C-alpha atoms as a PDB file:
ATOM      1  CA  MET A   1      94.151 197.444 115.316  1.00  0.00           C
ATOM      2  CA  SER A   2      93.915 194.541 113.252  1.00  0.00           C
ATOM      3  CA  CYS A   3      91.890 194.417 109.999  1.00  0.00           C
ATOM      4  CA  CYS A   4      91.164 190.760 110.133  1.00  0.00           C
ATOM      5  CA  HIS A   5      88.374 189.474 112.252  1.00  0.00           C
ATOM      6  CA  ASP A   6      87.458 192.801 113.357  1.00  0.00           C
ATOM      7  CA  PRO A   7      83.912 192.885 114.636  1.00  0.00           C
ATOM      8  CA  PHE A   8      83.444 196.355 113.404  1.00  0.00           C
ATOM      9  CA  CYS A   9      84.359 195.511 109.797  1.00  0.00           C
ATOM     10  CA  PRO A  10      82.296 192.531 108.743  1.00  0.00           C
ATOM     11  CA  THR A  11      83.094 190.617 105.525  1.00  0.00           C
ATOM     12  CA  ILE A  12      81.130 191.751 102.527  1.00  0.00           C
ATOM     13  CA  ARG A  13      80.478 189.760  99.385  1.00  0.00           C
ATOM     14  CA  VAL A  14      80.266 191.555  95.965  1.00  0.00           C
ATOM     15  CA  TYR A  15      79.259 189.830  92.698  1.00  0.00           C
ATOM     16  CA  ASP A  16      80.604 190.732  89.281  1.00  0.00           C
ATOM     17  CA  PRO A  17      78.241 190.398  86.318  1.00  0.00           C
ATOM     18  CA  PRO A  18      78.230 186.838  85.014  1.00  0.00           C
ATOM     19  CA  VAL A  19      80.688 185.806  82.322  1.00  0.00           C
ATOM     20  CA  THR A  20      79.498 183.377  79.663  1.00  0.00           C
ATOM     21  CA  VAL A  21      81.877 180.608  78.716  1.00  0.00           C
ATOM     22  CA  VAL A  22      80.884 178.583  75.647  1.00  0.00           C
ATOM     23  CA  ASN A  23      81.892 174.979  75.456  1.00  0.00           C
ATOM     24  CA  ASP A  24      81.506 174.019  71.774  1.00  0.00           C
ATOM     25  CA  ILE A  25      80.657 170.375  71.204  1.00  0.00           C
ATOM     26  CA  TYR A  26      80.532 169.183  67.590  1.00  0.00           C
ATOM     27  CA  HIS A  27      78.469 166.295  66.252  1.00  0.00           C
ATOM     28  CA  PRO A  28      78.834 165.022  62.690  1.00  0.00           C
ATOM     29  CA  GLN A  29      75.907 165.701  60.406  1.00  0.00           C
ATOM     30  CA  ILE A  30      75.841 164.042  56.995  1.00  0.00           C
ATOM     31  CA  VAL A  31      75.336 166.499  54.179  1.00  0.00           C
ATOM     32  CA  GLU A  32      74.926 164.878  50.772  1.00  0.00           C
ATOM     33  CA  VAL A  33      76.601 166.878  48.034  1.00  0.00           C
ATOM     34  CA  VAL A  34      75.431 165.852  44.575  1.00  0.00           C
ATOM     35  CA  HIS A  35      77.889 166.408  41.721  1.00  0.00           C
ATOM     36  CA  VAL A  36      76.169 166.330  38.351  1.00  0.00           C
ATOM     37  CA  ILE A  37      78.368 164.939  35.582  1.00  0.00           C
ATOM     38  CA  ASN A  38      77.204 165.283  31.986  1.00  0.00           C
ATOM     39  CA  VAL A  39      78.577 162.629  29.653  1.00  0.00           C
ATOM     40  CA  VAL A  40      78.546 163.600  25.987  1.00  0.00           C
ATOM     41  CA  ASP A  41      79.116 160.882  23.390  1.00  0.00           C
ATOM     42  CA  ARG A  42      80.710 162.469  20.356  1.00  0.00           C
ATOM     43  CA  HIS A  43      80.496 160.497  17.130  1.00  0.00           C
ATOM     44  CA  HIS A  44      83.147 161.256  14.536  1.00  0.00           C
ATOM     45  CA  CYS A  45      83.230 160.016  10.958  1.00  0.00           C
ATOM     46  CA  VAL A  46      86.648 158.667  10.079  1.00  0.00           C
ATOM     47  CA  PRO A  47      87.327 157.835   6.408  1.00  0.00           C
ATOM     48  CA  VAL A  48      88.386 154.211   5.968  1.00  0.00           C
ATOM     49  CA  GLU A  49      89.206 152.936   2.491  1.00  0.00           C
ATOM     50  CA  LYS A  50      87.209 150.004   1.160  1.00  0.00           C
ATOM     51  CA  HIS A  51      88.461 148.912  -2.240  1.00  0.00           C
ATOM     52  CA  LEU A  52      85.821 147.787  -4.708  1.00  0.00           C
ATOM     53  CA  TYR A  53      86.584 146.449  -8.144  1.00  0.00           C
ATOM     54  CA  GLN A  54      84.260 146.794 -11.099  1.00  0.00           C
ATOM     55  CA  TYR A  55      84.949 144.877 -14.253  1.00  0.00           C
ATOM     56  CA  CYS A  56      83.744 145.964 -17.657  1.00  0.00           C
ATOM     57  CA  ARG A  57      83.898 143.244 -20.293  1.00  0.00           C
ATOM     58  CA  HIS A  58      83.793 144.024 -24.010  1.00  0.00           C
ATOM     59  CA  ASN A  59      83.699 141.627 -26.948  1.00  0.00           C
ATOM     60  CA  GLU A  60      85.913 142.437 -29.888  1.00  0.00           C
ATOM     61  CA  VAL A  61      86.379 140.775 -33.207  1.00  0.00           C
ATOM     62  CA  ALA A  62      90.123 140.207 -33.606  1.00  0.00           C
ATOM     63  CA  SER A  63      90.143 139.268 -37.295  1.00  0.00           C
ATOM     64  CA  GLN A  64      87.796 138.008 -39.974  1.00  0.00           C
ATOM     65  CA  THR A  65      90.005 135.083 -40.977  1.00  0.00           C
ATOM     66  CA  GLY A  66      90.093 131.830 -39.066  1.00  0.00           C
ATOM     67  CA  GLY A  67      89.389 132.991 -35.555  1.00  0.00           C
ATOM     68  CA  ASN A  68      85.623 133.312 -35.725  1.00  0.00           C
ATOM     69  CA  ARG A  69      85.089 130.372 -38.090  1.00  0.00           C
ATOM     70  CA  SER A  70      86.719 127.854 -35.715  1.00  0.00           C
ATOM     71  CA  ARG A  71      84.544 129.044 -32.891  1.00  0.00           C
ATOM     72  CA  SER A  72      81.352 128.723 -34.879  1.00  0.00           C
ATOM     73  CA  ARG A  73      82.263 125.149 -35.955  1.00  0.00           C
ATOM     74  CA  SER A  74      83.104 124.062 -32.398  1.00  0.00           C
ATOM     75  CA  ARG A  75      79.723 125.156 -31.048  1.00  0.00           C
ATOM     76  CA  THR A  76      77.491 123.140 -33.381  1.00  0.00           C
ATOM     77  CA  ASN A  77      75.225 120.510 -31.819  1.00  0.00           C
ATOM     78  CA  GLY A  78      76.348 121.547 -28.334  1.00  0.00           C
ATOM     79  CA  ARG A  79      79.528 119.448 -28.553  1.00  0.00           C
ATOM     80  CA  SER A  80      83.082 120.671 -28.087  1.00  0.00           C
ATOM     81  CA  SER A  81      85.722 120.522 -30.813  1.00  0.00           C
ATOM     82  CA  ILE A  82      87.555 117.737 -28.926  1.00  0.00           C
ATOM     83  CA  SER A  83      84.556 115.443 -28.834  1.00  0.00           C
ATOM     84  CA  LYS A  84      83.915 116.150 -32.537  1.00  0.00           C
ATOM     85  CA  ALA A  85      87.497 115.299 -33.410  1.00  0.00           C
ATOM     86  CA  LYS A  86      87.239 111.982 -31.593  1.00  0.00           C
ATOM     87  CA  SER A  87      84.004 111.112 -33.361  1.00  0.00           C
ATOM     88  CA  THR A  88      85.455 111.930 -36.805  1.00  0.00           C
ATOM     89  CA  ARG A  89      88.464 109.678 -36.123  1.00  0.00           C
ATOM     90  CA  ARG A  90      86.174 106.782 -35.336  1.00  0.00           C
ATOM     91  CA  ARG A  91      84.220 107.270 -38.575  1.00  0.00           C
ATOM     92  CA  LYS A  92      87.380 107.310 -40.720  1.00  0.00           C
ATOM     93  CA  LYS A  93      88.496 103.892 -39.484  1.00  0.00           C
END
């Protein structure tokens, strides 16, 4: 007895439950990611020297003899003592 091609034992077909096979296909999708950056301007005061000069002027009387008298004579008529000396030399000649 042979098992193959035996008319009394026909070929039978049996199906297993289906098996799912996933074939993953990827496509690029643009996703915009926004990064917020806060910029803080910090202002700092830095001391920098700036030299200023203030002058205080005082008038003093040095002595009562000679010094003030020559000044008062040289200021008469709005002329200087040099121009007065030249004019007195001319008169003497």
